[in-house]
Protein backbone atom coordinates (compact mmCIF):
# COMPACT_ATOMS: atom_id res chain seq x y z
CA MET A 1 -85.88 -15.91 -105.39
CA THR A 2 -87.27 -13.18 -103.14
CA ALA A 3 -89.04 -10.37 -104.96
CA ILE A 4 -87.20 -7.07 -104.97
CA PRO A 5 -89.31 -4.04 -104.02
CA LYS A 6 -89.66 -1.49 -106.77
CA ASN A 7 -90.31 1.45 -104.50
CA ARG A 8 -87.69 3.34 -102.56
CA ILE A 9 -87.70 3.16 -98.77
CA GLU A 10 -89.32 6.51 -98.05
CA SER A 11 -88.18 6.70 -94.42
CA ILE A 12 -84.55 6.81 -95.62
CA ASP A 13 -85.30 9.68 -97.99
CA VAL A 14 -87.24 11.57 -95.30
CA LEU A 15 -84.46 11.19 -92.73
CA ARG A 16 -81.90 12.27 -95.30
CA GLY A 17 -84.10 15.29 -96.03
CA ILE A 18 -84.20 16.21 -92.33
CA VAL A 19 -80.41 16.01 -92.32
CA MET A 20 -80.13 18.31 -95.35
CA VAL A 21 -82.37 20.93 -93.73
CA ILE A 22 -80.44 20.88 -90.46
CA MET A 23 -77.11 20.93 -92.30
CA ALA A 24 -78.04 24.21 -93.98
CA LEU A 25 -78.43 25.77 -90.51
CA ASP A 26 -74.79 25.11 -89.65
CA HIS A 27 -73.51 26.43 -92.96
CA THR A 28 -75.71 29.51 -92.70
CA ARG A 29 -74.29 30.12 -89.22
CA GLU A 30 -70.74 29.82 -90.55
CA PHE A 31 -71.29 32.43 -93.24
CA PHE A 32 -73.64 34.88 -91.54
CA HIS A 33 -73.35 34.75 -87.74
CA LEU A 34 -71.14 37.47 -86.30
CA GLY A 35 -69.46 35.06 -83.90
CA ALA A 36 -68.82 32.26 -86.38
CA TYR A 37 -65.05 32.71 -86.48
CA THR A 38 -64.37 34.50 -83.23
CA ALA A 39 -65.42 31.78 -80.77
CA ASP A 40 -66.28 28.10 -80.76
CA PRO A 41 -70.05 27.67 -80.24
CA LEU A 42 -69.27 24.54 -78.21
CA ASP A 43 -66.83 26.34 -75.89
CA LEU A 44 -68.61 26.26 -72.53
CA ALA A 45 -66.72 29.34 -71.36
CA THR A 46 -68.15 31.60 -74.07
CA THR A 47 -71.26 29.98 -75.57
CA THR A 48 -74.94 30.21 -74.72
CA PRO A 49 -77.32 27.24 -74.64
CA ILE A 50 -79.11 28.32 -77.81
CA LEU A 51 -75.83 28.87 -79.70
CA TYR A 52 -74.47 25.57 -78.38
CA PHE A 53 -77.50 23.60 -79.59
CA THR A 54 -77.52 25.47 -82.91
CA ARG A 55 -74.15 23.90 -83.56
CA TRP A 56 -74.70 20.63 -81.65
CA ILE A 57 -77.88 19.62 -83.48
CA THR A 58 -75.99 19.72 -86.77
CA HIS A 59 -73.65 17.01 -85.47
CA PHE A 60 -76.31 14.55 -86.62
CA CYS A 61 -75.90 15.48 -90.28
CA ALA A 62 -72.60 13.99 -91.44
CA PRO A 63 -72.83 10.63 -89.62
CA ILE A 64 -76.42 10.04 -90.76
CA PHE A 65 -75.50 11.03 -94.31
CA VAL A 66 -72.54 8.62 -94.34
CA PHE A 67 -74.49 5.82 -92.64
CA LEU A 68 -77.42 6.11 -95.06
CA SER A 69 -74.99 6.16 -97.99
CA GLY A 70 -73.89 2.72 -96.85
CA THR A 71 -77.51 1.60 -96.51
CA SER A 72 -78.24 2.80 -100.04
CA ILE A 73 -75.30 0.76 -101.35
CA TYR A 74 -76.84 -2.39 -99.89
CA LEU A 75 -80.22 -1.57 -101.44
CA GLN A 76 -78.52 -1.05 -104.80
CA SER A 77 -76.98 -4.51 -104.45
CA LEU A 78 -80.52 -5.91 -104.61
CA ARG A 79 -81.02 -4.61 -108.15
CA LYS A 80 -77.48 -4.51 -109.59
CA THR A 81 -75.13 -7.36 -110.34
CA PRO A 82 -72.01 -7.45 -108.11
CA GLN A 83 -69.81 -6.26 -110.98
CA GLU A 84 -72.21 -3.46 -111.91
CA LEU A 85 -72.29 -2.26 -108.31
CA ARG A 86 -68.51 -2.38 -107.85
CA THR A 87 -67.97 -0.44 -111.07
CA PHE A 88 -70.60 2.12 -110.14
CA LEU A 89 -69.12 2.66 -106.66
CA LEU A 90 -65.61 3.09 -108.04
CA LYS A 91 -66.74 5.66 -110.62
CA ARG A 92 -69.07 7.51 -108.26
CA GLY A 93 -66.48 7.53 -105.48
CA LEU A 94 -63.82 9.06 -107.72
CA TRP A 95 -66.39 11.52 -109.06
CA LEU A 96 -67.30 12.62 -105.51
CA ILE A 97 -63.64 13.18 -104.64
CA PHE A 98 -63.32 15.36 -107.75
CA ILE A 99 -66.50 17.22 -106.80
CA GLU A 100 -65.10 17.86 -103.31
CA LEU A 101 -61.76 19.21 -104.50
CA VAL A 102 -63.08 21.34 -107.34
CA VAL A 103 -66.75 22.24 -106.94
CA VAL A 104 -67.18 22.19 -103.15
CA SER A 105 -63.81 23.74 -102.32
CA PHE A 106 -64.57 26.62 -104.65
CA CYS A 107 -68.10 27.27 -103.36
CA PHE A 108 -66.79 27.11 -99.78
CA THR A 109 -63.96 29.58 -100.40
CA LEU A 110 -64.96 31.44 -103.62
CA ASN A 111 -61.21 31.51 -104.27
CA PRO A 112 -60.64 31.29 -108.06
CA PHE A 113 -56.95 30.44 -107.57
CA PHE A 114 -57.73 27.15 -105.78
CA ASN A 115 -54.83 27.61 -103.37
CA VAL A 116 -57.12 26.33 -100.60
CA LEU A 117 -58.64 22.85 -100.94
CA ILE A 118 -60.88 21.27 -98.32
CA LEU A 119 -61.68 17.63 -97.70
CA GLN A 120 -65.11 17.35 -96.07
CA VAL A 121 -68.00 14.91 -96.01
CA ILE A 122 -68.26 14.45 -99.81
CA TRP A 123 -64.63 13.37 -99.95
CA CYS A 124 -64.98 10.82 -97.18
CA ILE A 125 -68.11 9.35 -98.80
CA GLY A 126 -66.22 9.18 -102.09
CA ILE A 127 -63.12 7.43 -100.75
CA SER A 128 -65.32 5.10 -98.69
CA MET A 129 -67.20 4.13 -101.87
CA VAL A 130 -63.91 3.40 -103.62
CA ILE A 131 -62.92 1.14 -100.71
CA MET A 132 -66.37 -0.49 -100.76
CA SER A 133 -65.96 -1.23 -104.47
CA VAL A 134 -63.06 -3.50 -103.49
CA LEU A 135 -64.47 -4.97 -100.27
CA LEU A 136 -67.76 -6.04 -101.83
CA ARG A 137 -65.89 -9.05 -103.17
CA LEU A 138 -65.62 -10.24 -99.55
CA PRO A 139 -68.33 -11.89 -97.40
CA PHE A 140 -71.01 -9.78 -95.73
CA LYS A 141 -69.88 -10.92 -92.26
CA PHE A 142 -66.33 -9.76 -92.97
CA ILE A 143 -67.54 -6.25 -93.87
CA LEU A 144 -69.68 -6.18 -90.72
CA ALA A 145 -66.77 -7.33 -88.54
CA LEU A 146 -64.41 -4.79 -90.13
CA GLY A 147 -66.93 -1.98 -89.62
CA LEU A 148 -67.33 -2.89 -85.95
CA VAL A 149 -63.56 -3.09 -85.41
CA ILE A 150 -63.03 0.34 -86.97
CA VAL A 151 -65.91 2.09 -85.20
CA LEU A 152 -65.26 0.50 -81.81
CA GLY A 153 -61.48 0.56 -81.96
CA HIS A 154 -60.30 3.60 -83.93
CA ASN A 155 -60.10 5.73 -80.77
CA LEU A 156 -57.08 3.63 -79.78
CA LEU A 157 -55.25 5.87 -82.24
CA ASP A 158 -55.90 8.74 -79.82
CA ILE A 159 -53.16 7.26 -77.60
CA PRO A 160 -50.19 7.86 -79.93
CA GLU A 161 -51.74 11.12 -81.13
CA ALA A 162 -51.81 12.44 -77.55
CA ALA A 163 -48.12 11.68 -77.03
CA GLU A 164 -45.84 14.69 -76.64
CA GLY A 165 -44.12 15.60 -79.87
CA PHE A 166 -46.42 13.53 -82.09
CA LYS A 167 -46.36 14.89 -85.64
CA PRO A 168 -48.70 13.18 -88.10
CA ASN A 169 -47.58 12.80 -91.68
CA PHE A 170 -49.88 13.31 -94.65
CA TRP A 171 -51.14 9.72 -94.75
CA TRP A 172 -51.87 9.66 -91.03
CA MET A 173 -53.84 12.90 -91.40
CA LEU A 174 -55.91 11.41 -94.21
CA LEU A 175 -56.55 8.41 -92.01
CA HIS A 176 -57.37 9.87 -88.59
CA ARG A 177 -56.14 13.42 -87.90
CA THR A 178 -57.62 16.76 -88.93
CA GLY A 179 -55.38 19.64 -89.85
CA ALA A 180 -53.88 21.80 -92.58
CA TYR A 181 -51.33 20.29 -94.94
CA PRO A 182 -49.29 22.81 -97.00
CA PHE A 183 -48.14 21.68 -100.44
CA ASP A 184 -46.80 22.99 -103.72
CA GLY A 185 -45.65 26.35 -102.32
CA GLY A 186 -48.58 28.39 -101.11
CA HIS A 187 -51.35 25.81 -101.42
CA ILE A 188 -53.08 24.31 -98.40
CA LEU A 189 -55.16 21.17 -98.07
CA TYR A 190 -57.51 21.32 -95.08
CA ILE A 191 -58.31 17.77 -93.98
CA LEU A 192 -61.51 18.09 -91.92
CA TYR A 193 -62.77 14.55 -92.50
CA PRO A 194 -60.09 11.88 -92.07
CA PHE A 195 -61.68 8.86 -93.64
CA LEU A 196 -61.03 5.87 -91.35
CA PRO A 197 -63.90 6.25 -88.83
CA TRP A 198 -66.30 7.49 -91.51
CA THR A 199 -65.50 4.48 -93.69
CA GLY A 200 -66.16 2.16 -90.76
CA LEU A 201 -69.51 3.87 -90.26
CA MET A 202 -70.38 3.39 -93.93
CA PHE A 203 -69.62 -0.31 -93.56
CA LEU A 204 -72.11 -0.53 -90.69
CA GLY A 205 -74.68 1.42 -92.71
CA TYR A 206 -74.21 -1.03 -95.56
CA CYS A 207 -74.73 -4.00 -93.25
CA SER A 208 -77.81 -2.37 -91.73
CA GLY A 209 -79.30 -2.24 -95.20
CA VAL A 210 -80.22 -5.90 -94.86
CA PHE A 211 -83.06 -4.88 -92.53
CA PHE A 212 -84.61 -2.93 -95.42
CA SER A 213 -84.55 -5.93 -97.73
CA PRO A 214 -87.64 -8.04 -98.54
CA SER A 215 -86.47 -10.56 -95.92
CA TYR A 216 -87.83 -8.27 -93.19
CA SER A 217 -91.34 -6.90 -92.81
CA ARG A 218 -91.87 -3.32 -91.75
CA GLU A 219 -92.85 -4.49 -88.27
CA GLN A 220 -89.75 -6.67 -87.90
CA ARG A 221 -87.54 -3.88 -89.18
CA GLY A 222 -89.10 -1.40 -86.78
CA ARG A 223 -88.48 -3.62 -83.77
CA ILE A 224 -84.86 -4.22 -84.77
CA LEU A 225 -84.17 -0.53 -85.42
CA VAL A 226 -85.66 0.46 -82.07
CA ARG A 227 -83.54 -2.10 -80.22
CA LEU A 228 -80.37 -1.07 -82.04
CA GLY A 229 -81.13 2.63 -81.57
CA LEU A 230 -81.86 2.34 -77.86
CA GLY A 231 -78.79 0.13 -77.46
CA ALA A 232 -76.55 2.71 -79.11
CA VAL A 233 -77.96 5.53 -76.95
CA LEU A 234 -77.57 3.49 -73.77
CA PHE A 235 -74.03 2.51 -74.79
CA PHE A 236 -73.24 6.21 -75.30
CA ILE A 237 -74.58 7.18 -71.87
CA VAL A 238 -72.73 4.41 -70.02
CA LEU A 239 -69.42 4.77 -71.85
CA ARG A 240 -69.50 8.57 -71.65
CA PHE A 241 -70.26 8.40 -67.94
CA VAL A 242 -67.29 6.09 -67.36
CA ASN A 243 -65.14 8.74 -69.06
CA ILE A 244 -62.24 6.44 -69.95
CA TYR A 245 -62.56 5.52 -73.63
CA GLY A 246 -64.47 6.50 -76.73
CA ASN A 247 -63.66 10.21 -76.94
CA PRO A 248 -60.31 12.01 -76.78
CA THR A 249 -61.66 14.70 -74.44
CA PRO A 250 -63.39 13.71 -71.17
CA TRP A 251 -66.42 15.52 -69.81
CA SER A 252 -66.29 17.29 -66.46
CA ALA A 253 -68.57 18.78 -63.84
CA GLN A 254 -69.26 22.46 -64.46
CA LYS A 255 -70.52 25.32 -62.33
CA ASN A 256 -74.15 24.36 -62.95
CA ALA A 257 -76.21 21.41 -64.16
CA VAL A 258 -76.89 22.86 -67.62
CA LEU A 259 -73.23 23.33 -68.42
CA THR A 260 -72.43 19.89 -67.05
CA VAL A 261 -74.94 18.35 -69.45
CA LEU A 262 -73.42 20.35 -72.30
CA SER A 263 -69.98 19.07 -71.34
CA PHE A 264 -71.33 15.50 -71.32
CA LEU A 265 -72.77 15.94 -74.83
CA ASN A 266 -69.70 17.65 -76.25
CA VAL A 267 -68.00 14.79 -78.10
CA ASN A 268 -65.45 14.89 -80.87
CA LYS A 269 -66.52 15.22 -84.52
CA TYR A 270 -63.13 15.82 -86.17
CA PRO A 271 -62.54 12.90 -86.47
CA PRO A 272 -65.81 11.38 -85.20
CA SER A 273 -65.24 9.51 -81.97
CA LEU A 274 -67.00 6.28 -81.05
CA LEU A 275 -69.20 8.26 -78.66
CA PHE A 276 -69.99 10.82 -81.35
CA MET A 277 -71.21 8.07 -83.66
CA CYS A 278 -73.27 6.38 -80.91
CA MET A 279 -74.83 9.71 -79.91
CA THR A 280 -75.94 10.47 -83.47
CA ILE A 281 -76.66 7.10 -85.09
CA GLY A 282 -78.67 5.78 -82.12
CA PRO A 283 -81.39 8.45 -82.45
CA ALA A 284 -81.18 8.14 -86.24
CA LEU A 285 -82.17 4.47 -86.05
CA LEU A 286 -85.09 5.38 -83.79
CA MET A 287 -86.15 8.04 -86.30
CA LEU A 288 -86.03 5.53 -89.15
CA ALA A 289 -88.37 3.23 -87.22
CA TRP A 290 -90.78 6.07 -86.46
CA LEU A 291 -90.74 7.68 -89.91
CA GLU A 292 -91.99 4.50 -91.58
CA ARG A 293 -95.33 5.10 -89.85
CA VAL A 294 -95.59 8.78 -90.76
CA GLN A 295 -96.69 10.25 -94.06
CA ASN A 296 -97.98 13.79 -94.46
CA GLY A 297 -97.24 17.04 -96.23
CA VAL A 298 -94.14 17.72 -94.16
CA THR A 299 -92.60 14.32 -94.87
CA ASN A 300 -93.39 14.77 -98.57
CA VAL A 301 -91.34 17.98 -98.60
CA LEU A 302 -88.51 16.41 -96.62
CA ARG A 303 -88.52 13.39 -98.93
CA THR A 304 -87.94 15.71 -101.89
CA TYR A 305 -84.88 17.20 -100.19
CA GLY A 306 -83.64 13.71 -99.35
CA ARG A 307 -84.07 12.38 -102.89
CA THR A 308 -81.98 15.28 -104.28
CA ALA A 309 -79.32 15.34 -101.56
CA LEU A 310 -76.18 16.00 -103.62
CA PHE A 311 -77.94 18.51 -105.85
CA TYR A 312 -79.25 20.29 -102.75
CA TYR A 313 -75.83 20.16 -101.08
CA LEU A 314 -74.02 21.85 -103.96
CA ILE A 315 -76.68 24.46 -104.69
CA HIS A 316 -77.17 25.45 -101.04
CA PHE A 317 -73.43 26.09 -100.56
CA TYR A 318 -73.25 28.43 -103.54
CA LEU A 319 -76.45 30.18 -102.51
CA ILE A 320 -75.25 30.72 -98.95
CA HIS A 321 -71.77 31.96 -99.82
CA ILE A 322 -72.86 34.19 -102.70
CA SER A 323 -75.57 35.70 -100.47
CA SER A 324 -72.95 36.26 -97.79
CA ALA A 325 -70.70 37.95 -100.35
CA ILE A 326 -73.55 40.29 -101.37
CA CYS A 327 -74.04 41.23 -97.71
CA PHE A 328 -70.29 41.78 -97.38
CA LEU A 329 -70.32 44.22 -100.27
CA ALA A 330 -73.52 45.86 -98.99
CA ARG A 331 -71.71 46.64 -95.70
CA GLY A 332 -69.34 48.85 -97.68
CA HIS A 333 -66.50 46.47 -98.42
CA SER A 334 -65.01 45.81 -101.84
CA VAL A 335 -63.85 42.72 -103.70
CA ALA A 336 -60.27 43.93 -103.31
CA GLU A 337 -60.74 44.10 -99.54
CA ALA A 338 -61.98 40.53 -99.47
CA PHE A 339 -58.85 39.25 -101.23
CA ASP A 340 -56.57 41.53 -99.21
CA PHE A 341 -57.99 40.37 -95.87
CA ALA A 342 -57.83 36.69 -96.83
CA THR A 343 -54.22 37.02 -98.03
CA LYS A 344 -52.89 39.01 -95.06
CA ASN A 345 -54.64 36.85 -92.46
CA GLN A 346 -54.29 33.51 -94.28
CA PHE A 347 -58.06 33.19 -93.97
CA PRO A 348 -59.48 30.58 -96.35
CA PHE A 349 -62.92 32.11 -97.02
CA LEU A 350 -63.40 35.19 -99.18
CA PHE A 351 -66.03 37.81 -98.33
CA ILE A 352 -65.98 36.98 -94.62
CA ILE A 353 -64.34 38.99 -91.85
CA PRO A 354 -64.48 37.40 -88.39
CA GLY A 355 -66.56 39.51 -86.02
CA GLU A 356 -68.78 40.87 -88.78
CA GLY A 357 -72.21 39.47 -89.48
CA TYR A 358 -75.61 39.21 -87.90
CA SER A 359 -77.32 38.02 -84.75
CA LEU A 360 -78.36 34.43 -84.25
CA THR A 361 -82.00 35.39 -84.80
CA VAL A 362 -81.24 36.94 -88.18
CA THR A 363 -79.12 33.89 -89.02
CA TYR A 364 -82.10 31.63 -88.36
CA VAL A 365 -84.32 33.77 -90.60
CA ILE A 366 -81.77 33.57 -93.42
CA TRP A 367 -81.57 29.79 -92.95
CA VAL A 368 -85.36 29.41 -93.31
CA VAL A 369 -85.42 31.61 -96.41
CA ILE A 370 -82.63 29.59 -98.04
CA VAL A 371 -84.17 26.19 -97.27
CA VAL A 372 -87.64 27.26 -98.46
CA GLY A 373 -86.14 28.86 -101.56
CA LEU A 374 -84.38 25.64 -102.48
CA TYR A 375 -87.54 23.54 -102.45
CA PRO A 376 -88.86 24.46 -105.95
CA LEU A 377 -85.44 23.68 -107.44
CA CYS A 378 -85.24 20.34 -105.65
CA ARG A 379 -88.79 19.44 -106.66
CA TRP A 380 -88.02 20.25 -110.28
CA TYR A 381 -84.81 18.21 -110.24
CA ASP A 382 -86.50 15.27 -108.50
CA ARG A 383 -89.21 15.19 -111.17
CA TYR A 384 -86.68 15.52 -113.97
CA LYS A 385 -84.50 12.74 -112.56
CA THR A 386 -87.49 10.44 -111.99
CA GLY A 387 -88.87 11.14 -115.45
CA HIS A 388 -85.60 10.42 -117.27
CA PRO A 389 -84.32 7.05 -116.06
CA GLU A 390 -82.52 6.61 -119.38
CA LYS A 391 -80.06 9.41 -118.52
CA TRP A 392 -77.35 7.40 -116.76
CA TRP A 393 -75.40 10.46 -115.68
CA LEU A 394 -78.20 11.52 -113.36
CA SER A 395 -77.26 8.64 -111.04
CA TYR A 396 -74.01 10.51 -110.29
CA LEU A 397 -75.90 13.56 -109.03
């Protein structure tokens, strides 16, 4: 029997840490930038290159997070029995769905009445884990084939969705269509992450975990990751250039070369198109290959963020929104105004008024302060979690 490595794969933690840092930039922009809810930063008619890339760079976060979640499941399969792993995934998946609906929805809205619920990346990881807990009974090749079919073929669903008069029901929305679903008289469920394409991506992440097993040396793994990464990037370029399939919205020539490039890169995240996943996962695989050869003070910090990803995710949301609320009140508004504005305008987020906020420069400064401020907390939690392996509940955080 092949020996199982005791140490974690540090490149995975470092890449996940990079993702967590970049993710905080997008959420800081949403809560502090004055144009966050007045214009789409990817709208070529109104954006600027720096605003566009502030939003575009964060596209890498969710797909890498989901993909690496799948990879981590495979690595857990090397040290857990099949039944232990299936039970863990079922429990953790249901726990993540609960976290999304209760903890994350509240920190995103600060609405104590919970009449607005949001399904985002934590939900889709949770439901994908529940599905994985069932599919792990099936052969590895079946999971790989199913992941490829979903990722490569789910954009076929764009065809009926584009038909005139198409009205998705609740189950279709959960599967492949973003939108708001009203329920129970005055409550709204915002489905931002339909799970089908994300689940397919997790399947592929799981299957890629085999390259991090003892069967592959670091050099072999590096060569494979580079080939797969370059292949995904090349596939993106060719398929995007053809402009027929892989994204519901085609690119087009603009008034200058810069805007044309931005149009080419502007692919669909909600739900993630095939081209979106190729554009983000391809470079991620290249980063994984490169990060295995890098170890310094910066990667040590990033590894800490990566090892405490869920803890970081929850804390950073509360910190960002509460800080935004303090700024809202400091501008002369009241708590009553926050509730009044949200109610009259059916706006889901308290303590935010579209058009109010700060410049992009100030937003970047706030982002740096928040990320740096989170590091001592993450370092403490990482040490506590590592030092208390007997506390089973820590594996759910």
